[in-house]
Amino acid sequence: MKPDLSAYPEIPLGCSVNENKIFNFFQIYKNVKTIDPETGKTKYIRETVGSIKNGVFTFVKPIF
């Protein structure tokens, strides 16, 4: 059963949930719209915000 995102106020609005049954956690993500400068076509990329495991939400570590 997918978690209710309203129970986690730290999760930004507009995020969605994807269940990972193999590792037993929920991915929290948002779709980011990008436009290819050469073709002008629109693409949506899934950007992970964090995850929920055992009822605990954690943000993704920044990649810098």
PDB file of N, CA and C in Angstrom:
ATOM      1  N   MET A   1       0.838  -1.170   0.000  1.00  0.00           N
ATOM      2  CA  MET A   1       0.000   0.000   0.000  1.00  0.00           C
ATOM      3  C   MET A   1       0.893   1.247   0.000  1.00  0.00           C
ATOM      4  N   LYS A   2       0.604   2.175  -0.902  1.00  0.00           N
ATOM      5  CA  LYS A   2       1.402   3.397  -1.015  1.00  0.00           C
ATOM      6  C   LYS A   2       1.126   4.318   0.172  1.00  0.00           C
ATOM      7  N   PRO A   3       2.172   5.004   0.651  1.00  0.00           N
ATOM      8  CA  PRO A   3       1.984   5.906   1.791  1.00  0.00           C
ATOM      9  C   PRO A   3       1.258   7.185   1.386  1.00  0.00           C
ATOM     10  N   ASP A   4       0.623   7.806   2.359  1.00  0.00           N
ATOM     11  CA  ASP A   4      -0.055   9.081   2.165  1.00  0.00           C
ATOM     12  C   ASP A   4       0.985  10.181   2.304  1.00  0.00           C
ATOM     13  N   LEU A   5       1.275  10.896   1.212  1.00  0.00           N
ATOM     14  CA  LEU A   5       2.321  11.913   1.236  1.00  0.00           C
ATOM     15  C   LEU A   5       1.972  13.106   2.120  1.00  0.00           C
ATOM     16  N   SER A   6       0.692  13.312   2.419  1.00  0.00           N
ATOM     17  CA  SER A   6       0.322  14.428   3.291  1.00  0.00           C
ATOM     18  C   SER A   6       0.779  14.184   4.730  1.00  0.00           C
ATOM     19  N   ALA A   7       1.117  12.961   5.065  1.00  0.00           N
ATOM     20  CA  ALA A   7       1.623  12.642   6.405  1.00  0.00           C
ATOM     21  C   ALA A   7       3.088  13.050   6.559  1.00  0.00           C
ATOM     22  N   TYR A   8       3.724  13.449   5.474  1.00  0.00           N
ATOM     23  CA  TYR A   8       5.135  13.850   5.481  1.00  0.00           C
ATOM     24  C   TYR A   8       5.223  15.300   4.990  1.00  0.00           C
ATOM     25  N   PRO A   9       5.156  16.287   5.895  1.00  0.00           N
ATOM     26  CA  PRO A   9       5.131  17.697   5.462  1.00  0.00           C
ATOM     27  C   PRO A   9       6.430  18.165   4.804  1.00  0.00           C
ATOM     28  N   GLU A  10       7.528  17.456   4.995  1.00  0.00           N
ATOM     29  CA  GLU A  10       8.801  17.862   4.401  1.00  0.00           C
ATOM     30  C   GLU A  10       8.898  17.527   2.909  1.00  0.00           C
ATOM     31  N   ILE A  11       8.002  16.687   2.409  1.00  0.00           N
ATOM     32  CA  ILE A  11       8.001  16.337   0.989  1.00  0.00           C
ATOM     33  C   ILE A  11       7.375  17.485   0.195  1.00  0.00           C
ATOM     34  N   PRO A  12       8.068  17.992  -0.830  1.00  0.00           N
ATOM     35  CA  PRO A  12       7.527  19.109  -1.622  1.00  0.00           C
ATOM     36  C   PRO A  12       6.240  18.729  -2.355  1.00  0.00           C
ATOM     37  N   LEU A  13       5.413  19.717  -2.609  1.00  0.00           N
ATOM     38  CA  LEU A  13       4.167  19.494  -3.346  1.00  0.00           C
ATOM     39  C   LEU A  13       4.480  19.071  -4.779  1.00  0.00           C
ATOM     40  N   GLY A  14       3.609  18.283  -5.353  1.00  0.00           N
ATOM     41  CA  GLY A  14       3.771  17.861  -6.734  1.00  0.00           C
ATOM     42  C   GLY A  14       4.584  16.591  -6.902  1.00  0.00           C
ATOM     43  N   CYS A  15       4.978  15.970  -5.823  1.00  0.00           N
ATOM     44  CA  CYS A  15       5.765  14.733  -5.909  1.00  0.00           C
ATOM     45  C   CYS A  15       4.850  13.525  -6.067  1.00  0.00           C
ATOM     46  N   SER A  16       5.407  12.460  -6.602  1.00  0.00           N
ATOM     47  CA  SER A  16       4.688  11.205  -6.788  1.00  0.00           C
ATOM     48  C   SER A  16       5.443  10.077  -6.096  1.00  0.00           C
ATOM     49  N   VAL A  17       4.784   8.912  -6.040  1.00  0.00           N
ATOM     50  CA  VAL A  17       5.351   7.763  -5.332  1.00  0.00           C
ATOM     51  C   VAL A  17       5.482   6.588  -6.287  1.00  0.00           C
ATOM     52  N   ASN A  18       6.592   5.873  -6.164  1.00  0.00           N
ATOM     53  CA  ASN A  18       6.814   4.646  -6.918  1.00  0.00           C
ATOM     54  C   ASN A  18       7.307   3.593  -5.935  1.00  0.00           C
ATOM     55  N   GLU A  19       6.652   2.424  -5.915  1.00  0.00           N
ATOM     56  CA  GLU A  19       7.037   1.362  -4.987  1.00  0.00           C
ATOM     57  C   GLU A  19       8.130   0.495  -5.590  1.00  0.00           C
ATOM     58  N   ASN A  20       9.174   0.229  -4.813  1.00  0.00           N
ATOM     59  CA  ASN A  20      10.231  -0.692  -5.198  1.00  0.00           C
ATOM     60  C   ASN A  20      10.075  -1.931  -4.333  1.00  0.00           C
ATOM     61  N   LYS A  21       9.485  -2.987  -4.896  1.00  0.00           N
ATOM     62  CA  LYS A  21       9.190  -4.192  -4.126  1.00  0.00           C
ATOM     63  C   LYS A  21      10.434  -5.029  -3.849  1.00  0.00           C
ATOM     64  N   ILE A  22      11.457  -4.914  -4.679  1.00  0.00           N
ATOM     65  CA  ILE A  22      12.674  -5.702  -4.483  1.00  0.00           C
ATOM     66  C   ILE A  22      13.406  -5.253  -3.224  1.00  0.00           C
ATOM     67  N   PHE A  23      13.574  -3.923  -3.054  1.00  0.00           N
ATOM     68  CA  PHE A  23      14.311  -3.398  -1.905  1.00  0.00           C
ATOM     69  C   PHE A  23      13.389  -2.895  -0.795  1.00  0.00           C
ATOM     70  N   ASN A  24      12.080  -3.037  -0.982  1.00  0.00           N
ATOM     71  CA  ASN A  24      11.080  -2.720   0.029  1.00  0.00           C
ATOM     72  C   ASN A  24      11.135  -1.258   0.502  1.00  0.00           C
ATOM     73  N   PHE A  25      11.041  -0.319  -0.451  1.00  0.00           N
ATOM     74  CA  PHE A  25      10.950   1.095  -0.114  1.00  0.00           C
ATOM     75  C   PHE A  25      10.134   1.800  -1.179  1.00  0.00           C
ATOM     76  N   PHE A  26       9.787   3.055  -0.903  1.00  0.00           N
ATOM     77  CA  PHE A  26       9.022   3.874  -1.839  1.00  0.00           C
ATOM     78  C   PHE A  26       9.894   5.021  -2.312  1.00  0.00           C
ATOM     79  N   GLN A  27       9.993   5.197  -3.626  1.00  0.00           N
ATOM     80  CA  GLN A  27      10.738   6.304  -4.211  1.00  0.00           C
ATOM     81  C   GLN A  27       9.797   7.501  -4.307  1.00  0.00           C
ATOM     82  N   ILE A  28      10.256   8.648  -3.835  1.00  0.00           N
ATOM     83  CA  ILE A  28       9.512   9.896  -3.961  1.00  0.00           C
ATOM     84  C   ILE A  28      10.201  10.704  -5.058  1.00  0.00           C
ATOM     85  N   TYR A  29       9.448  11.070  -6.087  1.00  0.00           N
ATOM     86  CA  TYR A  29      10.051  11.741  -7.236  1.00  0.00           C
ATOM     87  C   TYR A  29       9.138  12.826  -7.768  1.00  0.00           C
ATOM     88  N   LYS A  30       9.729  13.676  -8.622  1.00  0.00           N
ATOM     89  CA  LYS A  30       8.936  14.652  -9.363  1.00  0.00           C
ATOM     90  C   LYS A  30       9.382  14.603 -10.821  1.00  0.00           C
ATOM     91  N   ASN A  31       8.466  14.878 -11.710  1.00  0.00           N
ATOM     92  CA  ASN A  31       8.771  14.908 -13.136  1.00  0.00           C
ATOM     93  C   ASN A  31       9.258  16.306 -13.506  1.00  0.00           C
ATOM     94  N   VAL A  32      10.417  16.365 -14.140  1.00  0.00           N
ATOM     95  CA  VAL A  32      11.003  17.636 -14.559  1.00  0.00           C
ATOM     96  C   VAL A  32      10.927  17.709 -16.080  1.00  0.00           C
ATOM     97  N   LYS A  33      10.355  18.803 -16.578  1.00  0.00           N
ATOM     98  CA  LYS A  33      10.184  18.991 -18.021  1.00  0.00           C
ATOM     99  C   LYS A  33      11.454  19.594 -18.602  1.00  0.00           C
ATOM    100  N   THR A  34      11.997  18.949 -19.632  1.00  0.00           N
ATOM    101  CA  THR A  34      13.162  19.480 -20.337  1.00  0.00           C
ATOM    102  C   THR A  34      12.835  19.561 -21.825  1.00  0.00           C
ATOM    103  N   ILE A  35      13.462  20.499 -22.497  1.00  0.00           N
ATOM    104  CA  ILE A  35      13.257  20.672 -23.933  1.00  0.00           C
ATOM    105  C   ILE A  35      14.597  20.503 -24.624  1.00  0.00           C
ATOM    106  N   ASP A  36      14.652  19.615 -25.612  1.00  0.00           N
ATOM    107  CA  ASP A  36      15.870  19.399 -26.380  1.00  0.00           C
ATOM    108  C   ASP A  36      16.097  20.623 -27.258  1.00  0.00           C
ATOM    109  N   PRO A  37      17.232  21.309 -27.093  1.00  0.00           N
ATOM    110  CA  PRO A  37      17.451  22.545 -27.850  1.00  0.00           C
ATOM    111  C   PRO A  37      17.565  22.333 -29.358  1.00  0.00           C
ATOM    112  N   GLU A  38      17.994  21.149 -29.785  1.00  0.00           N
ATOM    113  CA  GLU A  38      18.141  20.898 -31.227  1.00  0.00           C
ATOM    114  C   GLU A  38      16.829  20.569 -31.901  1.00  0.00           C
ATOM    115  N   THR A  39      16.028  19.695 -31.273  1.00  0.00           N
ATOM    116  CA  THR A  39      14.780  19.260 -31.899  1.00  0.00           C
ATOM    117  C   THR A  39      13.570  20.031 -31.405  1.00  0.00           C
ATOM    118  N   GLY A  40      13.667  20.624 -30.216  1.00  0.00           N
ATOM    119  CA  GLY A  40      12.533  21.335 -29.653  1.00  0.00           C
ATOM    120  C   GLY A  40      11.511  20.419 -29.010  1.00  0.00           C
ATOM    121  N   LYS A  41      11.815  19.118 -28.916  1.00  0.00           N
ATOM    122  CA  LYS A  41      10.885  18.158 -28.332  1.00  0.00           C
ATOM    123  C   LYS A  41      10.959  18.204 -26.800  1.00  0.00           C
ATOM    124  N   THR A  42       9.801  17.989 -26.187  1.00  0.00           N
ATOM    125  CA  THR A  42       9.701  17.994 -24.733  1.00  0.00           C
ATOM    126  C   THR A  42       9.895  16.587 -24.189  1.00  0.00           C
ATOM    127  N   LYS A  43      10.689  16.494 -23.110  1.00  0.00           N
ATOM    128  CA  LYS A  43      10.926  15.229 -22.432  1.00  0.00           C
ATOM    129  C   LYS A  43      10.687  15.441 -20.948  1.00  0.00           C
ATOM    130  N   TYR A  44      10.179  14.421 -20.291  1.00  0.00           N
ATOM    131  CA  TYR A  44      10.024  14.469 -18.845  1.00  0.00           C
ATOM    132  C   TYR A  44      11.028  13.514 -18.222  1.00  0.00           C
ATOM    133  N   ILE A  45      11.781  14.029 -17.266  1.00  0.00           N
ATOM    134  CA  ILE A  45      12.790  13.235 -16.572  1.00  0.00           C
ATOM    135  C   ILE A  45      12.353  13.080 -15.125  1.00  0.00           C
ATOM    136  N   ARG A  46      12.470  11.869 -14.602  1.00  0.00           N
ATOM    137  CA  ARG A  46      12.102  11.591 -13.222  1.00  0.00           C
ATOM    138  C   ARG A  46      13.272  11.960 -12.311  1.00  0.00           C
ATOM    139  N   GLU A  47      13.046  12.933 -11.426  1.00  0.00           N
ATOM    140  CA  GLU A  47      14.078  13.382 -10.491  1.00  0.00           C
ATOM    141  C   GLU A  47      13.707  12.911  -9.086  1.00  0.00           C
ATOM    142  N   THR A  48      14.552  12.073  -8.488  1.00  0.00           N
ATOM    143  CA  THR A  48      14.277  11.523  -7.170  1.00  0.00           C
ATOM    144  C   THR A  48      14.492  12.582  -6.098  1.00  0.00           C
ATOM    145  N   VAL A  49      13.498  12.734  -5.228  1.00  0.00           N
ATOM    146  CA  VAL A  49      13.566  13.676  -4.122  1.00  0.00           C
ATOM    147  C   VAL A  49      14.036  12.959  -2.858  1.00  0.00           C
ATOM    148  N   GLY A  50      13.551  11.747  -2.648  1.00  0.00           N
ATOM    149  CA  GLY A  50      13.913  10.982  -1.457  1.00  0.00           C
ATOM    150  C   GLY A  50      13.252   9.626  -1.482  1.00  0.00           C
ATOM    151  N   SER A  51      13.219   8.990  -0.311  1.00  0.00           N
ATOM    152  CA  SER A  51      12.602   7.675  -0.222  1.00  0.00           C
ATOM    153  C   SER A  51      11.960   7.496   1.152  1.00  0.00           C
ATOM    154  N   ILE A  52      10.993   6.587   1.205  1.00  0.00           N
ATOM    155  CA  ILE A  52      10.339   6.221   2.459  1.00  0.00           C
ATOM    156  C   ILE A  52      10.593   4.740   2.675  1.00  0.00           C
ATOM    157  N   LYS A  53      11.211   4.421   3.790  1.00  0.00           N
ATOM    158  CA  LYS A  53      11.459   3.025   4.156  1.00  0.00           C
ATOM    159  C   LYS A  53      11.097   2.863   5.620  1.00  0.00           C
ATOM    160  N   ASN A  54      10.275   1.874   5.904  1.00  0.00           N
ATOM    161  CA  ASN A  54       9.793   1.607   7.264  1.00  0.00           C
ATOM    162  C   ASN A  54       9.119   2.835   7.876  1.00  0.00           C
ATOM    163  N   GLY A  55       8.414   3.621   7.057  1.00  0.00           N
ATOM    164  CA  GLY A  55       7.686   4.781   7.536  1.00  0.00           C
ATOM    165  C   GLY A  55       8.526   6.015   7.778  1.00  0.00           C
ATOM    166  N   VAL A  56       9.815   5.979   7.412  1.00  0.00           N
ATOM    167  CA  VAL A  56      10.719   7.113   7.642  1.00  0.00           C
ATOM    168  C   VAL A  56      11.136   7.699   6.300  1.00  0.00           C
ATOM    169  N   PHE A  57      10.912   9.011   6.138  1.00  0.00           N
ATOM    170  CA  PHE A  57      11.297   9.695   4.905  1.00  0.00           C
ATOM    171  C   PHE A  57      12.712  10.232   5.045  1.00  0.00           C
ATOM    172  N   THR A  58      13.528  10.032   4.005  1.00  0.00           N
ATOM    173  CA  THR A  58      14.873  10.610   3.956  1.00  0.00           C
ATOM    174  C   THR A  58      15.084  11.233   2.577  1.00  0.00           C
ATOM    175  N   PHE A  59      15.697  12.418   2.575  1.00  0.00           N
ATOM    176  CA  PHE A  59      16.032  13.083   1.324  1.00  0.00           C
ATOM    177  C   PHE A  59      17.212  12.376   0.661  1.00  0.00           C
ATOM    178  N   VAL A  60      17.306  12.501  -0.658  1.00  0.00           N
ATOM    179  CA  VAL A  60      18.440  11.978  -1.398  1.00  0.00           C
ATOM    180  C   VAL A  60      19.650  12.836  -1.086  1.00  0.00           C
ATOM    181  N   LYS A  61      20.817  12.222  -0.979  1.00  0.00           N
ATOM    182  CA  LYS A  61      22.036  12.980  -0.752  1.00  0.00           C
ATOM    183  C   LYS A  61      22.367  13.758  -2.019  1.00  0.00           C
ATOM    184  N   PRO A  62      22.717  15.043  -1.884  1.00  0.00           N
ATOM    185  CA  PRO A  62      23.057  15.843  -3.081  1.00  0.00           C
ATOM    186  C   PRO A  62      24.318  15.333  -3.757  1.00  0.00           C
ATOM    187  N   ILE A  63      24.343  15.432  -5.075  1.00  0.00           N
ATOM    188  CA  ILE A  63      25.508  14.992  -5.857  1.00  0.00           C
ATOM    189  C   ILE A  63      26.280  16.239  -6.263  1.00  0.00           C
ATOM    190  N   PHE A  64      27.335  16.531  -5.556  1.00  0.00           N
ATOM    191  CA  PHE A  64      28.163  17.704  -5.864  1.00  0.00           C
ATOM    192  C   PHE A  64      29.594  17.303  -6.015  1.00  0.00           C
TER     193      PHE A  64
END
